[in-house]
Amino acid sequence: MTMKIRNNDLSDRRIDIDITDGVSIHLYKCEYDELIKLLLPDMEQEIKNAYSLQHKAMEIRQECWEMVNEIRELFYHCSDEEYCIRKSMKEIEEDELVKVLEKHGKLLGFV
């Protein structure tokens, strides 16, 4: 068997390295960081930057998901069974729409 690397996850800072059948090395958090320092000293900062970018992207993703849900609630009657019926224009609360747009203004590029 050749060496196999699996579960290499930058966001969780972990890696599993299978040396041979039945022999594996599992590195997490501090040990993972130390491996990166030893193997890739020139890339250490780049890896930290990539981790930071990934973290920021996940925050933006979460904010997008929240915005979509808030907008959906304004334009649709939704049930717990995951189907939605479009509201009429008269049913849409304009003040609430403005609040949602202001809340997510930075995400939408207004700020």
Protein backbone atom coordinates (compact mmCIF):
# COMPACT_ATOMS: atom_id res chain seq x y z
CA MET A 1 0.00 0.00 0.00
CA THR A 2 1.24 3.47 -0.74
CA MET A 3 0.87 6.31 1.70
CA LYS A 4 -2.60 7.84 1.53
CA ILE A 5 -3.72 11.23 2.82
CA ARG A 6 -7.38 11.66 3.71
CA ASN A 7 -9.60 14.07 5.62
CA ASN A 8 -7.23 16.93 4.88
CA ASP A 9 -9.49 19.76 6.03
CA LEU A 10 -8.12 23.27 6.33
CA SER A 11 -11.17 24.63 8.14
CA ASP A 12 -11.04 21.95 10.86
CA ARG A 13 -7.23 21.88 10.81
CA ARG A 14 -6.99 18.10 10.64
CA ILE A 15 -5.42 15.42 8.47
CA ASP A 16 -5.26 11.62 8.49
CA ILE A 17 -2.23 9.96 6.91
CA ASP A 18 -2.35 6.20 6.28
CA ILE A 19 1.25 4.97 6.33
CA THR A 20 0.47 1.27 5.70
CA ASP A 21 -2.49 -1.04 6.25
CA GLY A 22 -3.50 -0.56 9.86
CA VAL A 23 -1.04 2.27 10.58
CA SER A 24 -2.41 5.80 10.47
CA ILE A 25 -1.35 9.16 11.81
CA HIS A 26 -4.08 11.58 12.87
CA LEU A 27 -3.14 15.22 13.34
CA TYR A 28 -5.54 17.79 14.74
CA LYS A 29 -5.39 21.52 15.52
CA CYS A 30 -1.94 22.26 17.03
CA GLU A 31 -0.30 19.17 15.53
CA TYR A 32 -1.74 20.06 12.12
CA ASP A 33 -0.39 23.60 12.44
CA GLU A 34 3.03 22.25 13.44
CA LEU A 35 3.11 19.92 10.43
CA ILE A 36 2.35 22.84 8.13
CA LYS A 37 5.16 24.88 9.74
CA LEU A 38 7.67 22.06 9.34
CA LEU A 39 6.79 20.97 5.82
CA LEU A 40 5.83 24.27 4.28
CA PRO A 41 7.46 27.14 6.14
CA ASP A 42 7.16 29.44 3.14
CA MET A 43 3.47 28.65 2.77
CA GLU A 44 2.48 28.92 6.43
CA GLN A 45 1.15 32.47 6.07
CA GLU A 46 -0.62 31.60 2.83
CA ILE A 47 -2.38 28.71 4.56
CA LYS A 48 -3.40 30.97 7.44
CA ASN A 49 -4.72 33.51 4.92
CA ALA A 50 -6.65 30.77 3.11
CA TYR A 51 -8.17 29.66 6.42
CA SER A 52 -9.18 33.24 7.16
CA LEU A 53 -10.74 33.65 3.71
CA GLN A 54 -12.63 30.39 4.07
CA HIS A 55 -13.96 31.49 7.46
CA LYS A 56 -15.10 34.83 6.02
CA ALA A 57 -16.74 33.07 3.06
CA MET A 58 -18.69 30.85 5.45
CA GLU A 59 -19.88 33.92 7.36
CA ILE A 60 -21.03 35.56 4.11
CA ARG A 61 -22.72 32.31 3.05
CA GLN A 62 -24.64 32.24 6.33
CA GLU A 63 -25.68 35.87 5.93
CA CYS A 64 -26.87 35.16 2.36
CA TRP A 65 -28.92 32.23 3.60
CA GLU A 66 -30.51 34.39 6.31
CA MET A 67 -31.30 37.12 3.78
CA VAL A 68 -32.89 34.64 1.37
CA ASN A 69 -35.07 33.26 4.16
CA GLU A 70 -36.12 36.74 5.29
CA ILE A 71 -37.01 37.79 1.73
CA ARG A 72 -38.85 34.52 1.14
CA GLU A 73 -40.96 35.17 4.23
CA LEU A 74 -41.90 38.59 2.86
CA PHE A 75 -42.98 37.35 -0.59
CA TYR A 76 -44.37 33.89 0.20
CA HIS A 77 -46.62 32.09 2.67
CA CYS A 78 -44.46 29.11 3.64
CA SER A 79 -45.44 26.00 5.54
CA ASP A 80 -43.39 23.59 7.61
CA GLU A 81 -43.82 21.09 4.79
CA GLU A 82 -41.43 23.13 2.64
CA TYR A 83 -43.81 24.51 0.07
CA CYS A 84 -44.55 28.18 -0.48
CA ILE A 85 -47.41 30.12 -2.02
CA ARG A 86 -46.68 33.54 -3.47
CA LYS A 87 -48.30 36.49 -1.71
CA SER A 88 -50.21 39.10 -3.66
CA MET A 89 -48.54 42.50 -4.02
CA LYS A 90 -51.04 43.93 -1.51
CA GLU A 91 -49.89 41.41 1.12
CA ILE A 92 -46.22 42.39 0.92
CA GLU A 93 -45.25 44.68 3.76
CA GLU A 94 -43.16 47.42 2.20
CA ASP A 95 -41.71 48.58 5.54
CA GLU A 96 -40.51 45.07 6.32
CA LEU A 97 -38.89 44.80 2.88
CA VAL A 98 -37.03 48.07 3.48
CA LYS A 99 -35.82 46.74 6.88
CA VAL A 100 -34.49 43.55 5.30
CA LEU A 101 -32.72 45.47 2.53
CA GLU A 102 -31.19 47.89 5.02
CA LYS A 103 -30.12 45.04 7.31
CA HIS A 104 -28.32 43.31 4.43
CA GLY A 105 -27.22 46.50 2.65
CA LYS A 106 -23.52 45.70 2.88
CA LEU A 107 -24.05 42.22 1.45
CA LEU A 108 -26.08 43.69 -1.41
CA GLY A 109 -23.46 46.35 -2.12
CA PHE A 110 -25.48 49.34 -0.90
CA VAL A 111 -22.87 50.39 1.65
